[in-house]
Structures are given as C-alpha cells and as structure tokens.
C-alpha cells in the first residue's frame, strides 16, 4: 500500500440548550480612578450529540468524551478592572464546573452543574 485516502464526513448532529449571563458594575472613585466588576457566564443544560444519522443521541453536558472533549455545564469569567488616566490594571478569573467520564459511571444526577 502506497497511501490511504480517508475522507471526513459531517454526518452527526448537535442540539444545544442553555443560557448566557452577563453583569457589570462601575464605580467612580474620584481621585483614585474608576473600577469595574464584570461577570460573563454560560450554562449548558443540554448538549445532545448524534455521531451518525439514525444513531443514538447522548446528552454530553457535564461529561468528557472522546468525540466532544470536556463539556462543562457552567463556565464564567469574573473580571476586576481599574483605571486612572493613563494607568490601569485588570484581574480576571476563569472557572468552569467539573465534569466526569462515562467510565466513572456517571448518571445524569451525578453530573455537576
């Protein structure tokens, strides 16, 4: 054999349901500048995946699978910003809920989120 041609086909489907959250609050500190606190988050309620047309549909929200990787139910970014004239600084925090694998015997009620 000199070579193998392997063609990728998109035959599976994804169906997602969830919501996004965003909030921000700014404070003018007078001579000390301005600060802002913000949070942006996403909650994934349903992450249905079907590998091939007519195949089984699985909800991978909160799971780590070979097909989809880690699909956390909740993830967010929390940020603190400060600026005063030409000076400023930011501090950010990224977080996401834990997940499990099918090998751990996950059931829907055992998933985090």
C-alpha atoms as a PDB file:
ATOM      1  CA  UNK A   1       0.000   0.000   0.000  1.00  0.00           C
ATOM      2  CA  UNK A   2       1.406   3.355  -1.026  1.00  0.00           C
ATOM      3  CA  UNK A   3      -1.201   5.613   0.618  1.00  0.00           C
ATOM      4  CA  UNK A   4      -4.676   5.682   2.153  1.00  0.00           C
ATOM      5  CA  UNK A   5      -7.329   8.277   1.392  1.00  0.00           C
ATOM      6  CA  UNK A   6      -9.571   8.927   4.378  1.00  0.00           C
ATOM      7  CA  UNK A   7     -12.383  11.394   3.822  1.00  0.00           C
ATOM      8  CA  UNK A   8     -14.057  13.180   6.745  1.00  0.00           C
ATOM      9  CA  UNK A   9     -17.839  13.487   6.580  1.00  0.00           C
ATOM     10  CA  UNK A  10     -20.095  15.619   8.724  1.00  0.00           C
ATOM     11  CA  UNK A  11     -22.986  13.232   9.340  1.00  0.00           C
ATOM     12  CA  UNK A  12     -23.576  13.812  13.058  1.00  0.00           C
ATOM     13  CA  UNK A  13     -25.687  16.489  14.710  1.00  0.00           C
ATOM     14  CA  UNK A  14     -25.541  18.678  17.806  1.00  0.00           C
ATOM     15  CA  UNK A  15     -28.502  20.159  19.682  1.00  0.00           C
ATOM     16  CA  UNK A  16     -27.675  22.596  22.477  1.00  0.00           C
ATOM     17  CA  UNK A  17     -29.805  24.406  25.033  1.00  0.00           C
ATOM     18  CA  UNK A  18     -28.660  26.782  27.745  1.00  0.00           C
ATOM     19  CA  UNK A  19     -28.340  30.442  28.584  1.00  0.00           C
ATOM     20  CA  UNK A  20     -25.770  33.216  28.919  1.00  0.00           C
ATOM     21  CA  UNK A  21     -25.456  35.672  31.806  1.00  0.00           C
ATOM     22  CA  UNK A  22     -23.678  38.996  31.819  1.00  0.00           C
ATOM     23  CA  UNK A  23     -23.464  41.661  34.521  1.00  0.00           C
ATOM     24  CA  UNK A  24     -21.227  44.662  35.167  1.00  0.00           C
ATOM     25  CA  UNK A  25     -20.960  47.411  37.776  1.00  0.00           C
ATOM     26  CA  UNK A  26     -18.762  50.512  37.607  1.00  0.00           C
ATOM     27  CA  UNK A  27     -17.694  52.758  40.481  1.00  0.00           C
ATOM     28  CA  UNK A  28     -16.156  56.227  40.140  1.00  0.00           C
ATOM     29  CA  UNK A  29     -13.642  56.531  42.982  1.00  0.00           C
ATOM     30  CA  UNK A  30     -12.914  60.221  42.430  1.00  0.00           C
ATOM     31  CA  UNK A  31      -9.183  60.912  42.543  1.00  0.00           C
ATOM     32  CA  UNK A  32      -8.443  57.193  42.755  1.00  0.00           C
ATOM     33  CA  UNK A  33      -9.852  56.455  39.290  1.00  0.00           C
ATOM     34  CA  UNK A  34     -12.623  54.126  38.195  1.00  0.00           C
ATOM     35  CA  UNK A  35     -13.220  50.463  38.914  1.00  0.00           C
ATOM     36  CA  UNK A  36     -15.431  47.967  37.157  1.00  0.00           C
ATOM     37  CA  UNK A  37     -16.508  44.473  38.158  1.00  0.00           C
ATOM     38  CA  UNK A  38     -17.978  42.237  35.462  1.00  0.00           C
ATOM     39  CA  UNK A  39     -19.075  38.632  35.072  1.00  0.00           C
ATOM     40  CA  UNK A  40     -19.936  36.709  31.915  1.00  0.00           C
ATOM     41  CA  UNK A  41     -21.126  33.120  32.171  1.00  0.00           C
ATOM     42  CA  UNK A  42     -22.697  30.291  30.196  1.00  0.00           C
ATOM     43  CA  UNK A  43     -24.819  27.399  31.442  1.00  0.00           C
ATOM     44  CA  UNK A  44     -25.280  24.394  29.136  1.00  0.00           C
ATOM     45  CA  UNK A  45     -28.418  22.463  30.025  1.00  0.00           C
ATOM     46  CA  UNK A  46     -28.433  20.126  27.026  1.00  0.00           C
ATOM     47  CA  UNK A  47     -25.601  19.115  24.679  1.00  0.00           C
ATOM     48  CA  UNK A  48     -27.142  16.339  22.602  1.00  0.00           C
ATOM     49  CA  UNK A  49     -24.752  14.662  20.196  1.00  0.00           C
ATOM     50  CA  UNK A  50     -25.537  12.149  17.479  1.00  0.00           C
ATOM     51  CA  UNK A  51     -22.433  10.659  15.831  1.00  0.00           C
ATOM     52  CA  UNK A  52     -24.220   9.416  12.703  1.00  0.00           C
ATOM     53  CA  UNK A  53     -27.639   9.890  11.184  1.00  0.00           C
ATOM     54  CA  UNK A  54     -30.069   7.409  12.760  1.00  0.00           C
ATOM     55  CA  UNK A  55     -27.637   6.626  15.592  1.00  0.00           C
ATOM     56  CA  UNK A  56     -28.197   7.072  19.323  1.00  0.00           C
ATOM     57  CA  UNK A  57     -28.408  10.587  20.782  1.00  0.00           C
ATOM     58  CA  UNK A  58     -26.486  11.249  24.015  1.00  0.00           C
ATOM     59  CA  UNK A  59     -26.517  14.280  26.293  1.00  0.00           C
ATOM     60  CA  UNK A  60     -22.851  15.128  26.880  1.00  0.00           C
ATOM     61  CA  UNK A  61     -23.409  18.155  29.147  1.00  0.00           C
ATOM     62  CA  UNK A  62     -21.140  17.714  32.153  1.00  0.00           C
ATOM     63  CA  UNK A  63     -19.157  14.894  30.526  1.00  0.00           C
ATOM     64  CA  UNK A  64     -15.732  14.371  28.992  1.00  0.00           C
ATOM     65  CA  UNK A  65     -15.972  12.209  25.860  1.00  0.00           C
ATOM     66  CA  UNK A  66     -13.578  11.272  23.077  1.00  0.00           C
ATOM     67  CA  UNK A  67     -15.914  12.842  20.486  1.00  0.00           C
ATOM     68  CA  UNK A  68     -16.542  16.205  22.174  1.00  0.00           C
ATOM     69  CA  UNK A  69     -13.861  16.648  24.814  1.00  0.00           C
ATOM     70  CA  UNK A  70     -14.909  18.315  28.070  1.00  0.00           C
ATOM     71  CA  UNK A  71     -18.364  19.915  28.019  1.00  0.00           C
ATOM     72  CA  UNK A  72     -18.749  21.759  31.319  1.00  0.00           C
ATOM     73  CA  UNK A  73     -22.270  22.724  32.315  1.00  0.00           C
ATOM     74  CA  UNK A  74     -21.199  26.087  33.760  1.00  0.00           C
ATOM     75  CA  UNK A  75     -18.303  28.384  32.919  1.00  0.00           C
ATOM     76  CA  UNK A  76     -17.697  32.020  33.692  1.00  0.00           C
ATOM     77  CA  UNK A  77     -15.187  34.852  33.638  1.00  0.00           C
ATOM     78  CA  UNK A  78     -15.080  37.290  36.550  1.00  0.00           C
ATOM     79  CA  UNK A  79     -13.056  40.460  35.948  1.00  0.00           C
ATOM     80  CA  UNK A  80     -11.935  43.398  38.091  1.00  0.00           C
ATOM     81  CA  UNK A  81     -10.691  46.461  36.219  1.00  0.00           C
ATOM     82  CA  UNK A  82      -9.197  49.737  37.474  1.00  0.00           C
ATOM     83  CA  UNK A  83      -8.026  52.758  35.545  1.00  0.00           C
ATOM     84  CA  UNK A  84      -6.806  56.239  36.392  1.00  0.00           C
ATOM     85  CA  UNK A  85      -5.708  58.382  33.490  1.00  0.00           C
ATOM     86  CA  UNK A  86      -3.005  56.521  31.532  1.00  0.00           C
ATOM     87  CA  UNK A  87      -2.690  53.834  34.222  1.00  0.00           C
ATOM     88  CA  UNK A  88      -4.815  50.758  34.668  1.00  0.00           C
ATOM     89  CA  UNK A  89      -4.906  47.148  35.647  1.00  0.00           C
ATOM     90  CA  UNK A  90      -7.068  44.072  35.326  1.00  0.00           C
ATOM     91  CA  UNK A  91      -7.511  40.876  37.253  1.00  0.00           C
ATOM     92  CA  UNK A  92      -9.513  38.036  35.745  1.00  0.00           C
ATOM     93  CA  UNK A  93     -10.729  34.690  36.998  1.00  0.00           C
ATOM     94  CA  UNK A  94     -11.909  31.874  34.704  1.00  0.00           C
ATOM     95  CA  UNK A  95     -13.846  28.976  36.183  1.00  0.00           C
ATOM     96  CA  UNK A  96     -15.897  26.048  35.000  1.00  0.00           C
ATOM     97  CA  UNK A  97     -17.824  23.262  36.669  1.00  0.00           C
ATOM     98  CA  UNK A  98     -16.247  19.849  36.903  1.00  0.00           C
ATOM     99  CA  UNK A  99     -17.187  17.000  34.605  1.00  0.00           C
ATOM    100  CA  UNK A 100     -16.896  13.248  34.628  1.00  0.00           C
ATOM    101  CA  UNK A 101     -16.377  10.439  32.123  1.00  0.00           C
ATOM    102  CA  UNK A 102     -18.677   7.573  31.230  1.00  0.00           C
ATOM    103  CA  UNK A 103     -16.027   5.217  32.678  1.00  0.00           C
ATOM    104  CA  UNK A 104     -16.740   6.752  36.096  1.00  0.00           C
ATOM    105  CA  UNK A 105     -20.312   5.509  35.823  1.00  0.00           C
ATOM    106  CA  UNK A 106     -21.904   8.932  35.545  1.00  0.00           C
ATOM    107  CA  UNK A 107     -25.612   9.256  35.656  1.00  0.00           C
ATOM    108  CA  UNK A 108     -27.465  12.473  34.962  1.00  0.00           C
ATOM    109  CA  UNK A 109     -27.909  13.166  38.688  1.00  0.00           C
ATOM    110  CA  UNK A 110     -24.174  12.609  39.328  1.00  0.00           C
ATOM    111  CA  UNK A 111     -23.089  15.328  36.926  1.00  0.00           C
ATOM    112  CA  UNK A 112     -22.044  18.676  38.276  1.00  0.00           C
ATOM    113  CA  UNK A 113     -23.689  21.864  37.176  1.00  0.00           C
END
